[in-house]
Amino acid sequence: MKSHACAAVLLLVASATFAVQPPAAKPLPQNSPTKGFRAEFLTDVADLQKKSVSLAKAIPQEKYSWRPAEGVRSISEVYGHTAGGTYFLATFLGEQPPANMPKDIEKITDKATLVAELQKSFEYIQAVMKKTSDADLDKPVVMLGSPTTVRGVFVTILNHLHEHLGQSVAYARMNKVVPPWSR
C-alpha cells in the first residue's frame, strides 16, 4: 500500500512538472491599449503581420507569378490584394489610403516592393486602431451598403487578413515552401 501511495505522489509531481503551460501572451505593439477589443485586435494583427511578411519573404521571386489555376489570383496578386484590401476597408472608417500607395497595387509583381507594401498596410491599420477610442467602436457605419459598426469593420479587416494568410500558406505549400513559423 505504501508503494502505491509513493508511486501516486511521484506521478502527481511528474505531471505537475511536465504539465503543458499555456503560451505566453504575445507582446502588444508599442503605445497600445492593454485590454479589450482594441488590444485583442492589435495582438492579432501583429501576429498576422509577422506571419504574412515572413511568408512573403520566404517565397522566391520566381514563384510570385504562380497561380493554382487560370482566373485565380497569383501569389503576387494575393499580397497586393491583401494590402490594398486593408486600405479599402479602412475607408469605411472614414480613413484614406496613404497618398503614396501604388494605384495598381494588385498588379505589382516585384517581391521586395510587395513585401514593403504589405508591411506598410499592417502598420497603417495598427495606427488607425490606435487612434480609435473604445467609445468609437460602437459607432454605426455603413460598409458595402450594409449597416455595421466601427468594430464590425475592424472584424471584417481581421477576417480578410486571416483569409488571405490561409490562401498564402496553401499557395506556398503547393510550391514546396514551408511557412517560417512551421519549421
N, C-alpha and C. Protein backbone atom coordinates (compact mmCIF):
# COMPACT_ATOMS: atom_id res chain seq x y z
N MET A 1 0.83 -1.20 0.00
CA MET A 1 0.00 0.00 0.00
C MET A 1 0.86 1.25 0.00
N LYS A 2 1.94 1.17 0.81
CA LYS A 2 2.84 2.31 0.90
C LYS A 2 3.50 2.61 -0.45
N SER A 3 3.85 1.57 -1.22
CA SER A 3 4.49 1.78 -2.52
C SER A 3 3.51 2.38 -3.52
N HIS A 4 2.21 2.06 -3.39
CA HIS A 4 1.21 2.64 -4.28
C HIS A 4 1.06 4.14 -4.02
N ALA A 5 1.09 4.52 -2.75
CA ALA A 5 0.99 5.94 -2.38
C ALA A 5 2.22 6.69 -2.87
N CYS A 6 3.38 6.07 -2.75
CA CYS A 6 4.61 6.71 -3.22
C CYS A 6 4.58 6.88 -4.73
N ALA A 7 4.10 5.87 -5.43
CA ALA A 7 4.01 5.95 -6.90
C ALA A 7 3.02 7.04 -7.30
N ALA A 8 1.92 7.14 -6.57
CA ALA A 8 0.92 8.17 -6.88
C ALA A 8 1.49 9.57 -6.69
N VAL A 9 2.24 9.75 -5.59
CA VAL A 9 2.86 11.05 -5.33
C VAL A 9 3.86 11.38 -6.43
N LEU A 10 4.68 10.41 -6.82
CA LEU A 10 5.66 10.64 -7.90
C LEU A 10 4.96 10.98 -9.21
N LEU A 11 3.86 10.30 -9.50
CA LEU A 11 3.09 10.59 -10.71
C LEU A 11 2.53 12.00 -10.68
N LEU A 12 2.02 12.43 -9.54
CA LEU A 12 1.49 13.79 -9.41
C LEU A 12 2.59 14.83 -9.57
N VAL A 13 3.75 14.58 -8.96
CA VAL A 13 4.87 15.53 -9.09
C VAL A 13 5.33 15.61 -10.54
N ALA A 14 5.44 14.45 -11.19
CA ALA A 14 5.87 14.44 -12.59
C ALA A 14 4.84 15.15 -13.47
N SER A 15 3.56 14.92 -13.21
CA SER A 15 2.52 15.56 -14.00
C SER A 15 2.57 17.08 -13.84
N ALA A 16 2.76 17.53 -12.62
CA ALA A 16 2.83 18.98 -12.38
C ALA A 16 4.08 19.57 -13.00
N THR A 17 5.18 18.83 -12.96
CA THR A 17 6.44 19.33 -13.50
C THR A 17 6.38 19.47 -15.02
N PHE A 18 5.76 18.50 -15.68
CA PHE A 18 5.76 18.49 -17.14
C PHE A 18 4.43 18.91 -17.74
N ALA A 19 3.58 19.51 -16.94
CA ALA A 19 2.28 19.95 -17.44
C ALA A 19 2.48 20.96 -18.56
N VAL A 20 1.60 20.89 -19.52
CA VAL A 20 1.65 21.84 -20.64
C VAL A 20 1.26 23.21 -20.12
N GLN A 21 2.12 24.16 -20.34
CA GLN A 21 1.85 25.53 -19.91
C GLN A 21 1.20 26.29 -21.06
N PRO A 22 0.26 27.17 -20.76
CA PRO A 22 -0.33 27.97 -21.84
C PRO A 22 0.74 28.87 -22.44
N PRO A 23 0.61 29.17 -23.75
CA PRO A 23 1.62 30.03 -24.36
C PRO A 23 1.63 31.40 -23.71
N ALA A 24 2.80 32.00 -23.67
CA ALA A 24 2.93 33.35 -23.11
C ALA A 24 2.16 34.32 -24.00
N ALA A 25 1.58 35.33 -23.40
CA ALA A 25 0.86 36.33 -24.17
C ALA A 25 1.82 37.03 -25.11
N LYS A 26 1.33 37.29 -26.32
CA LYS A 26 2.15 37.98 -27.31
C LYS A 26 2.26 39.45 -26.92
N PRO A 27 3.43 40.03 -27.08
CA PRO A 27 3.56 41.45 -26.72
C PRO A 27 2.76 42.32 -27.68
N LEU A 28 2.16 43.34 -27.13
CA LEU A 28 1.40 44.29 -27.94
C LEU A 28 2.34 45.31 -28.57
N PRO A 29 1.95 45.83 -29.74
CA PRO A 29 2.75 46.90 -30.32
C PRO A 29 2.86 48.08 -29.34
N GLN A 30 3.93 48.83 -29.47
CA GLN A 30 4.19 49.97 -28.57
C GLN A 30 3.02 50.96 -28.58
N ASN A 31 2.76 51.60 -27.45
CA ASN A 31 1.68 52.58 -27.27
C ASN A 31 0.30 52.01 -27.57
N SER A 32 0.06 50.77 -27.18
CA SER A 32 -1.19 50.09 -27.47
C SER A 32 -2.06 49.98 -26.23
N PRO A 33 -3.38 49.85 -26.44
CA PRO A 33 -4.24 49.55 -25.30
C PRO A 33 -3.87 48.17 -24.76
N THR A 34 -4.11 47.94 -23.49
CA THR A 34 -3.70 46.69 -22.86
C THR A 34 -4.84 45.71 -22.61
N LYS A 35 -6.07 46.13 -22.86
CA LYS A 35 -7.20 45.23 -22.67
C LYS A 35 -8.33 45.63 -23.60
N GLY A 36 -9.28 44.72 -23.73
CA GLY A 36 -10.44 44.99 -24.57
C GLY A 36 -10.21 44.67 -26.03
N PHE A 37 -11.21 44.98 -26.83
CA PHE A 37 -11.19 44.64 -28.25
C PHE A 37 -9.99 45.24 -28.98
N ARG A 38 -9.67 46.48 -28.67
CA ARG A 38 -8.56 47.13 -29.39
C ARG A 38 -7.25 46.40 -29.12
N ALA A 39 -7.01 46.01 -27.89
CA ALA A 39 -5.79 45.25 -27.56
C ALA A 39 -5.80 43.90 -28.27
N GLU A 40 -6.93 43.23 -28.27
CA GLU A 40 -7.04 41.94 -28.94
C GLU A 40 -6.81 42.08 -30.44
N PHE A 41 -7.39 43.11 -31.04
CA PHE A 41 -7.20 43.36 -32.47
C PHE A 41 -5.72 43.58 -32.78
N LEU A 42 -5.08 44.45 -32.02
CA LEU A 42 -3.67 44.76 -32.27
C LEU A 42 -2.76 43.55 -32.08
N THR A 43 -3.07 42.72 -31.10
CA THR A 43 -2.30 41.49 -30.88
C THR A 43 -2.45 40.56 -32.08
N ASP A 44 -3.69 40.39 -32.54
CA ASP A 44 -3.95 39.52 -33.69
C ASP A 44 -3.29 40.07 -34.95
N VAL A 45 -3.39 41.36 -35.18
CA VAL A 45 -2.78 41.96 -36.36
C VAL A 45 -1.26 41.85 -36.31
N ALA A 46 -0.67 42.00 -35.15
CA ALA A 46 0.79 41.85 -35.03
C ALA A 46 1.21 40.43 -35.41
N ASP A 47 0.44 39.43 -35.00
CA ASP A 47 0.73 38.05 -35.36
C ASP A 47 0.53 37.83 -36.86
N LEU A 48 -0.55 38.35 -37.41
CA LEU A 48 -0.79 38.25 -38.86
C LEU A 48 0.32 38.92 -39.64
N GLN A 49 0.77 40.06 -39.16
CA GLN A 49 1.84 40.80 -39.83
C GLN A 49 3.12 39.96 -39.86
N LYS A 50 3.49 39.42 -38.72
CA LYS A 50 4.70 38.62 -38.62
C LYS A 50 4.64 37.43 -39.58
N LYS A 51 3.52 36.72 -39.57
CA LYS A 51 3.37 35.55 -40.42
C LYS A 51 3.29 35.92 -41.90
N SER A 52 2.47 36.89 -42.24
CA SER A 52 2.30 37.27 -43.64
C SER A 52 3.59 37.78 -44.26
N VAL A 53 4.27 38.66 -43.55
CA VAL A 53 5.51 39.24 -44.08
C VAL A 53 6.61 38.19 -44.16
N SER A 54 6.73 37.34 -43.14
CA SER A 54 7.77 36.32 -43.19
C SER A 54 7.51 35.31 -44.30
N LEU A 55 6.25 34.99 -44.56
CA LEU A 55 5.92 34.07 -45.65
C LEU A 55 6.18 34.73 -47.00
N ALA A 56 5.80 35.99 -47.13
CA ALA A 56 6.06 36.71 -48.39
C ALA A 56 7.56 36.74 -48.69
N LYS A 57 8.37 36.90 -47.66
CA LYS A 57 9.82 36.90 -47.83
C LYS A 57 10.37 35.52 -48.18
N ALA A 58 9.72 34.46 -47.67
CA ALA A 58 10.20 33.09 -47.87
C ALA A 58 9.93 32.56 -49.28
N ILE A 59 8.94 33.11 -49.94
CA ILE A 59 8.59 32.64 -51.29
C ILE A 59 9.56 33.27 -52.30
N PRO A 60 10.19 32.46 -53.14
CA PRO A 60 11.13 33.01 -54.12
C PRO A 60 10.43 33.93 -55.14
N GLN A 61 11.15 34.95 -55.59
CA GLN A 61 10.61 35.90 -56.57
C GLN A 61 10.03 35.17 -57.78
N GLU A 62 10.69 34.14 -58.26
CA GLU A 62 10.21 33.44 -59.48
C GLU A 62 8.87 32.75 -59.28
N LYS A 63 8.43 32.58 -58.05
CA LYS A 63 7.13 31.97 -57.77
C LYS A 63 6.01 33.00 -57.64
N TYR A 64 6.35 34.28 -57.62
CA TYR A 64 5.34 35.31 -57.41
C TYR A 64 4.31 35.37 -58.54
N SER A 65 4.63 34.87 -59.71
CA SER A 65 3.66 34.86 -60.82
C SER A 65 2.84 33.57 -60.85
N TRP A 66 3.16 32.63 -59.97
CA TRP A 66 2.46 31.34 -59.94
C TRP A 66 1.02 31.53 -59.48
N ARG A 67 0.12 30.79 -60.13
CA ARG A 67 -1.28 30.76 -59.72
C ARG A 67 -1.76 29.31 -59.85
N PRO A 68 -2.67 28.86 -58.97
CA PRO A 68 -3.09 27.46 -59.00
C PRO A 68 -3.94 27.09 -60.22
N ALA A 69 -4.58 28.08 -60.82
CA ALA A 69 -5.43 27.84 -61.98
C ALA A 69 -5.67 29.17 -62.69
N GLU A 70 -6.02 29.10 -63.95
CA GLU A 70 -6.34 30.31 -64.71
C GLU A 70 -7.53 31.01 -64.07
N GLY A 71 -7.47 32.32 -64.00
CA GLY A 71 -8.57 33.09 -63.43
C GLY A 71 -8.53 33.22 -61.92
N VAL A 72 -7.48 32.70 -61.29
CA VAL A 72 -7.31 32.77 -59.84
C VAL A 72 -6.10 33.66 -59.56
N ARG A 73 -6.14 34.41 -58.48
CA ARG A 73 -5.03 35.32 -58.16
C ARG A 73 -3.70 34.57 -58.06
N SER A 74 -2.66 35.23 -58.55
CA SER A 74 -1.30 34.73 -58.40
C SER A 74 -0.81 35.06 -56.98
N ILE A 75 0.35 34.54 -56.65
CA ILE A 75 0.93 34.85 -55.34
C ILE A 75 1.10 36.36 -55.18
N SER A 76 1.66 37.03 -56.19
CA SER A 76 1.85 38.48 -56.08
C SER A 76 0.52 39.21 -55.97
N GLU A 77 -0.48 38.75 -56.71
CA GLU A 77 -1.79 39.40 -56.65
C GLU A 77 -2.45 39.23 -55.28
N VAL A 78 -2.22 38.09 -54.64
CA VAL A 78 -2.78 37.88 -53.30
C VAL A 78 -2.17 38.88 -52.32
N TYR A 79 -0.84 39.05 -52.37
CA TYR A 79 -0.20 40.00 -51.45
C TYR A 79 -0.63 41.44 -51.74
N GLY A 80 -0.75 41.79 -53.02
CA GLY A 80 -1.23 43.13 -53.37
C GLY A 80 -2.67 43.34 -52.93
N HIS A 81 -3.50 42.31 -53.12
CA HIS A 81 -4.90 42.39 -52.71
C HIS A 81 -5.02 42.51 -51.20
N THR A 82 -4.20 41.78 -50.48
CA THR A 82 -4.23 41.83 -49.01
C THR A 82 -3.94 43.24 -48.53
N ALA A 83 -2.86 43.83 -49.04
CA ALA A 83 -2.51 45.19 -48.64
C ALA A 83 -3.57 46.19 -49.09
N GLY A 84 -3.97 46.11 -50.35
CA GLY A 84 -4.96 47.04 -50.88
C GLY A 84 -6.32 46.90 -50.19
N GLY A 85 -6.68 45.67 -49.85
CA GLY A 85 -7.95 45.44 -49.16
C GLY A 85 -7.99 46.08 -47.78
N THR A 86 -6.85 46.08 -47.10
CA THR A 86 -6.78 46.72 -45.78
C THR A 86 -7.06 48.21 -45.93
N TYR A 87 -6.42 48.83 -46.91
CA TYR A 87 -6.64 50.27 -47.15
C TYR A 87 -8.09 50.53 -47.55
N PHE A 88 -8.63 49.70 -48.43
CA PHE A 88 -10.00 49.88 -48.89
C PHE A 88 -11.00 49.76 -47.75
N LEU A 89 -10.88 48.71 -46.96
CA LEU A 89 -11.83 48.51 -45.86
C LEU A 89 -11.76 49.64 -44.83
N ALA A 90 -10.58 50.22 -44.64
CA ALA A 90 -10.45 51.34 -43.69
C ALA A 90 -11.19 52.58 -44.17
N THR A 91 -11.51 52.66 -45.48
CA THR A 91 -12.26 53.83 -45.95
C THR A 91 -13.65 53.88 -45.33
N PHE A 92 -14.18 52.72 -44.91
CA PHE A 92 -15.49 52.70 -44.25
C PHE A 92 -15.42 53.24 -42.83
N LEU A 93 -14.20 53.47 -42.36
CA LEU A 93 -13.97 54.12 -41.06
C LEU A 93 -13.71 55.60 -41.24
N GLY A 94 -13.78 56.07 -42.49
CA GLY A 94 -13.50 57.47 -42.79
C GLY A 94 -12.02 57.73 -43.04
N GLU A 95 -11.23 56.69 -43.16
CA GLU A 95 -9.79 56.83 -43.39
C GLU A 95 -9.51 56.84 -44.89
N GLN A 96 -8.42 57.47 -45.25
CA GLN A 96 -7.98 57.47 -46.63
C GLN A 96 -6.68 56.69 -46.75
N PRO A 97 -6.50 55.97 -47.87
CA PRO A 97 -5.23 55.27 -48.06
C PRO A 97 -4.08 56.28 -48.11
N PRO A 98 -2.88 55.85 -47.79
CA PRO A 98 -1.74 56.75 -47.87
C PRO A 98 -1.61 57.32 -49.29
N ALA A 99 -1.20 58.55 -49.38
CA ALA A 99 -1.05 59.20 -50.69
C ALA A 99 -0.04 58.48 -51.57
N ASN A 100 0.95 57.84 -50.97
CA ASN A 100 1.99 57.17 -51.76
C ASN A 100 1.68 55.70 -52.05
N MET A 101 0.45 55.25 -51.75
CA MET A 101 0.07 53.87 -52.06
C MET A 101 0.02 53.70 -53.58
N PRO A 102 0.64 52.66 -54.11
CA PRO A 102 0.57 52.43 -55.56
C PRO A 102 -0.88 52.26 -56.01
N LYS A 103 -1.23 52.89 -57.14
CA LYS A 103 -2.61 52.84 -57.62
C LYS A 103 -3.04 51.43 -58.02
N ASP A 104 -2.17 50.68 -58.68
CA ASP A 104 -2.49 49.32 -59.11
C ASP A 104 -1.72 48.32 -58.25
N ILE A 105 -1.97 48.35 -56.95
CA ILE A 105 -1.20 47.55 -56.00
C ILE A 105 -1.28 46.05 -56.31
N GLU A 106 -2.42 45.59 -56.85
CA GLU A 106 -2.55 44.17 -57.17
C GLU A 106 -1.76 43.77 -58.42
N LYS A 107 -1.27 44.73 -59.15
CA LYS A 107 -0.51 44.42 -60.37
C LYS A 107 1.00 44.42 -60.14
N ILE A 108 1.43 44.75 -58.94
CA ILE A 108 2.86 44.75 -58.62
C ILE A 108 3.33 43.29 -58.60
N THR A 109 4.46 43.03 -59.24
CA THR A 109 4.99 41.67 -59.27
C THR A 109 6.35 41.56 -58.59
N ASP A 110 6.95 42.67 -58.24
CA ASP A 110 8.27 42.66 -57.60
C ASP A 110 8.13 42.29 -56.12
N LYS A 111 8.82 41.25 -55.72
CA LYS A 111 8.73 40.74 -54.35
C LYS A 111 9.08 41.81 -53.32
N ALA A 112 10.21 42.49 -53.48
CA ALA A 112 10.65 43.48 -52.49
C ALA A 112 9.61 44.59 -52.33
N THR A 113 9.04 45.03 -53.44
CA THR A 113 8.03 46.08 -53.39
C THR A 113 6.77 45.58 -52.68
N LEU A 114 6.34 44.37 -52.99
CA LEU A 114 5.15 43.81 -52.34
C LEU A 114 5.35 43.59 -50.85
N VAL A 115 6.50 43.07 -50.47
CA VAL A 115 6.77 42.88 -49.05
C VAL A 115 6.71 44.22 -48.32
N ALA A 116 7.30 45.25 -48.91
CA ALA A 116 7.27 46.59 -48.30
C ALA A 116 5.85 47.12 -48.21
N GLU A 117 5.05 46.94 -49.26
CA GLU A 117 3.66 47.42 -49.24
C GLU A 117 2.81 46.65 -48.24
N LEU A 118 3.05 45.36 -48.13
CA LEU A 118 2.33 44.55 -47.15
C LEU A 118 2.65 45.03 -45.74
N GLN A 119 3.93 45.25 -45.48
CA GLN A 119 4.38 45.75 -44.18
C GLN A 119 3.71 47.10 -43.86
N LYS A 120 3.72 48.00 -44.84
CA LYS A 120 3.12 49.33 -44.63
C LYS A 120 1.62 49.22 -44.33
N SER A 121 0.93 48.28 -44.98
CA SER A 121 -0.52 48.16 -44.77
C SER A 121 -0.82 47.70 -43.34
N PHE A 122 0.02 46.83 -42.80
CA PHE A 122 -0.17 46.40 -41.40
C PHE A 122 0.10 47.56 -40.44
N GLU A 123 1.15 48.31 -40.68
CA GLU A 123 1.46 49.46 -39.84
C GLU A 123 0.34 50.50 -39.90
N TYR A 124 -0.21 50.69 -41.09
CA TYR A 124 -1.30 51.64 -41.31
C TYR A 124 -2.53 51.26 -40.46
N ILE A 125 -2.96 49.99 -40.54
CA ILE A 125 -4.18 49.61 -39.82
C ILE A 125 -3.95 49.60 -38.31
N GLN A 126 -2.73 49.33 -37.88
CA GLN A 126 -2.43 49.42 -36.45
C GLN A 126 -2.55 50.88 -36.00
N ALA A 127 -2.06 51.80 -36.79
CA ALA A 127 -2.16 53.22 -36.44
C ALA A 127 -3.62 53.67 -36.41
N VAL A 128 -4.42 53.19 -37.35
CA VAL A 128 -5.85 53.52 -37.36
C VAL A 128 -6.51 53.02 -36.08
N MET A 129 -6.21 51.79 -35.69
CA MET A 129 -6.82 51.25 -34.47
C MET A 129 -6.36 52.02 -33.24
N LYS A 130 -5.09 52.38 -33.18
CA LYS A 130 -4.57 53.09 -32.00
C LYS A 130 -5.26 54.43 -31.80
N LYS A 131 -5.68 55.07 -32.88
CA LYS A 131 -6.34 56.37 -32.73
C LYS A 131 -7.86 56.24 -32.59
N THR A 132 -8.36 55.02 -32.67
CA THR A 132 -9.79 54.77 -32.47
C THR A 132 -10.03 54.53 -30.98
N SER A 133 -11.00 55.23 -30.41
CA SER A 133 -11.29 55.05 -28.99
C SER A 133 -12.24 53.87 -28.78
N ASP A 134 -12.28 53.40 -27.55
CA ASP A 134 -13.23 52.33 -27.21
C ASP A 134 -14.66 52.77 -27.51
N ALA A 135 -14.98 54.02 -27.22
CA ALA A 135 -16.34 54.53 -27.46
C ALA A 135 -16.67 54.54 -28.96
N ASP A 136 -15.67 54.80 -29.79
CA ASP A 136 -15.89 54.84 -31.24
C ASP A 136 -16.25 53.47 -31.82
N LEU A 137 -15.86 52.41 -31.15
CA LEU A 137 -16.08 51.07 -31.69
C LEU A 137 -17.55 50.75 -31.93
N ASP A 138 -18.43 51.35 -31.15
CA ASP A 138 -19.86 51.08 -31.28
C ASP A 138 -20.57 52.06 -32.21
N LYS A 139 -19.85 53.00 -32.80
CA LYS A 139 -20.48 53.96 -33.71
C LYS A 139 -20.96 53.24 -34.97
N PRO A 140 -22.17 53.59 -35.40
CA PRO A 140 -22.69 52.94 -36.62
C PRO A 140 -22.00 53.48 -37.88
N VAL A 141 -21.77 52.60 -38.82
CA VAL A 141 -21.25 52.95 -40.14
C VAL A 141 -21.94 52.05 -41.15
N VAL A 142 -21.81 52.40 -42.41
CA VAL A 142 -22.33 51.57 -43.49
C VAL A 142 -21.13 51.05 -44.26
N MET A 143 -21.08 49.74 -44.43
CA MET A 143 -19.99 49.12 -45.17
C MET A 143 -20.58 48.28 -46.30
N LEU A 144 -20.19 48.61 -47.51
CA LEU A 144 -20.67 47.89 -48.69
C LEU A 144 -22.20 47.81 -48.71
N GLY A 145 -22.84 48.92 -48.30
CA GLY A 145 -24.29 49.02 -48.34
C GLY A 145 -25.02 48.42 -47.15
N SER A 146 -24.30 47.86 -46.20
CA SER A 146 -24.95 47.24 -45.03
C SER A 146 -24.56 47.97 -43.75
N PRO A 147 -25.51 48.12 -42.83
CA PRO A 147 -25.19 48.77 -41.56
C PRO A 147 -24.31 47.86 -40.69
N THR A 148 -23.36 48.47 -40.03
CA THR A 148 -22.49 47.77 -39.09
C THR A 148 -21.96 48.81 -38.11
N THR A 149 -20.90 48.48 -37.43
CA THR A 149 -20.25 49.41 -36.50
C THR A 149 -18.78 49.53 -36.88
N VAL A 150 -18.11 50.48 -36.26
CA VAL A 150 -16.67 50.61 -36.44
C VAL A 150 -16.00 49.28 -36.08
N ARG A 151 -16.44 48.67 -34.97
CA ARG A 151 -15.90 47.37 -34.57
C ARG A 151 -16.13 46.34 -35.67
N GLY A 152 -17.30 46.36 -36.28
CA GLY A 152 -17.62 45.42 -37.36
C GLY A 152 -16.67 45.56 -38.54
N VAL A 153 -16.27 46.78 -38.84
CA VAL A 153 -15.30 47.00 -39.93
C VAL A 153 -13.95 46.39 -39.54
N PHE A 154 -13.53 46.63 -38.30
CA PHE A 154 -12.26 46.04 -37.85
C PHE A 154 -12.31 44.51 -37.87
N VAL A 155 -13.45 43.93 -37.51
CA VAL A 155 -13.59 42.47 -37.56
C VAL A 155 -13.49 41.99 -39.02
N THR A 156 -14.10 42.72 -39.92
CA THR A 156 -14.02 42.37 -41.34
C THR A 156 -12.57 42.44 -41.83
N ILE A 157 -11.84 43.43 -41.38
CA ILE A 157 -10.42 43.54 -41.75
C ILE A 157 -9.66 42.32 -41.25
N LEU A 158 -9.89 41.93 -39.99
CA LEU A 158 -9.24 40.73 -39.47
C LEU A 158 -9.60 39.50 -40.29
N ASN A 159 -10.89 39.34 -40.59
CA ASN A 159 -11.32 38.18 -41.38
C ASN A 159 -10.61 38.16 -42.73
N HIS A 160 -10.53 39.31 -43.36
CA HIS A 160 -9.88 39.42 -44.67
C HIS A 160 -8.40 39.04 -44.58
N LEU A 161 -7.72 39.54 -43.56
CA LEU A 161 -6.30 39.23 -43.39
C LEU A 161 -6.08 37.74 -43.11
N HIS A 162 -6.93 37.15 -42.27
CA HIS A 162 -6.81 35.71 -41.99
C HIS A 162 -7.09 34.88 -43.24
N GLU A 163 -8.11 35.27 -43.99
CA GLU A 163 -8.46 34.53 -45.21
C GLU A 163 -7.27 34.48 -46.16
N HIS A 164 -6.63 35.60 -46.37
CA HIS A 164 -5.55 35.63 -47.36
C HIS A 164 -4.22 35.11 -46.80
N LEU A 165 -4.05 35.10 -45.49
CA LEU A 165 -2.89 34.40 -44.94
C LEU A 165 -3.06 32.91 -45.21
N GLY A 166 -4.26 32.39 -44.98
CA GLY A 166 -4.53 30.98 -45.26
C GLY A 166 -4.31 30.64 -46.72
N GLN A 167 -4.77 31.50 -47.61
CA GLN A 167 -4.56 31.31 -49.04
C GLN A 167 -3.07 31.31 -49.36
N SER A 168 -2.34 32.23 -48.75
CA SER A 168 -0.89 32.31 -48.99
C SER A 168 -0.16 31.07 -48.49
N VAL A 169 -0.59 30.54 -47.36
CA VAL A 169 0.01 29.31 -46.84
C VAL A 169 -0.23 28.17 -47.83
N ALA A 170 -1.45 28.06 -48.32
CA ALA A 170 -1.77 26.99 -49.28
C ALA A 170 -0.91 27.15 -50.54
N TYR A 171 -0.82 28.37 -51.06
CA TYR A 171 -0.01 28.63 -52.25
C TYR A 171 1.46 28.28 -51.99
N ALA A 172 1.97 28.68 -50.83
CA ALA A 172 3.37 28.41 -50.50
C ALA A 172 3.60 26.90 -50.46
N ARG A 173 2.75 26.19 -49.77
CA ARG A 173 2.94 24.73 -49.64
C ARG A 173 2.82 24.04 -50.99
N MET A 174 1.95 24.53 -51.86
CA MET A 174 1.85 23.96 -53.21
C MET A 174 3.15 24.17 -53.99
N ASN A 175 3.93 25.15 -53.57
CA ASN A 175 5.21 25.45 -54.21
C ASN A 175 6.39 24.98 -53.38
N LYS A 176 6.12 24.07 -52.44
CA LYS A 176 7.16 23.46 -51.60
C LYS A 176 7.88 24.46 -50.70
N VAL A 177 7.18 25.51 -50.30
CA VAL A 177 7.72 26.49 -49.35
C VAL A 177 7.01 26.26 -48.02
N VAL A 178 7.78 25.97 -46.99
CA VAL A 178 7.22 25.75 -45.67
C VAL A 178 7.15 27.10 -44.93
N PRO A 179 6.00 27.45 -44.39
CA PRO A 179 5.89 28.70 -43.66
C PRO A 179 6.96 28.77 -42.55
N PRO A 180 7.64 29.90 -42.42
CA PRO A 180 8.75 30.02 -41.43
C PRO A 180 8.36 29.62 -40.01
N TRP A 181 7.13 29.89 -39.59
CA TRP A 181 6.73 29.57 -38.22
C TRP A 181 6.41 28.08 -38.05
N SER A 182 6.39 27.31 -39.13
CA SER A 182 6.10 25.88 -39.06
C SER A 182 7.35 25.02 -39.11
N ARG A 183 8.49 25.66 -39.31
CA ARG A 183 9.73 24.89 -39.46
C ARG A 183 10.21 24.34 -38.15
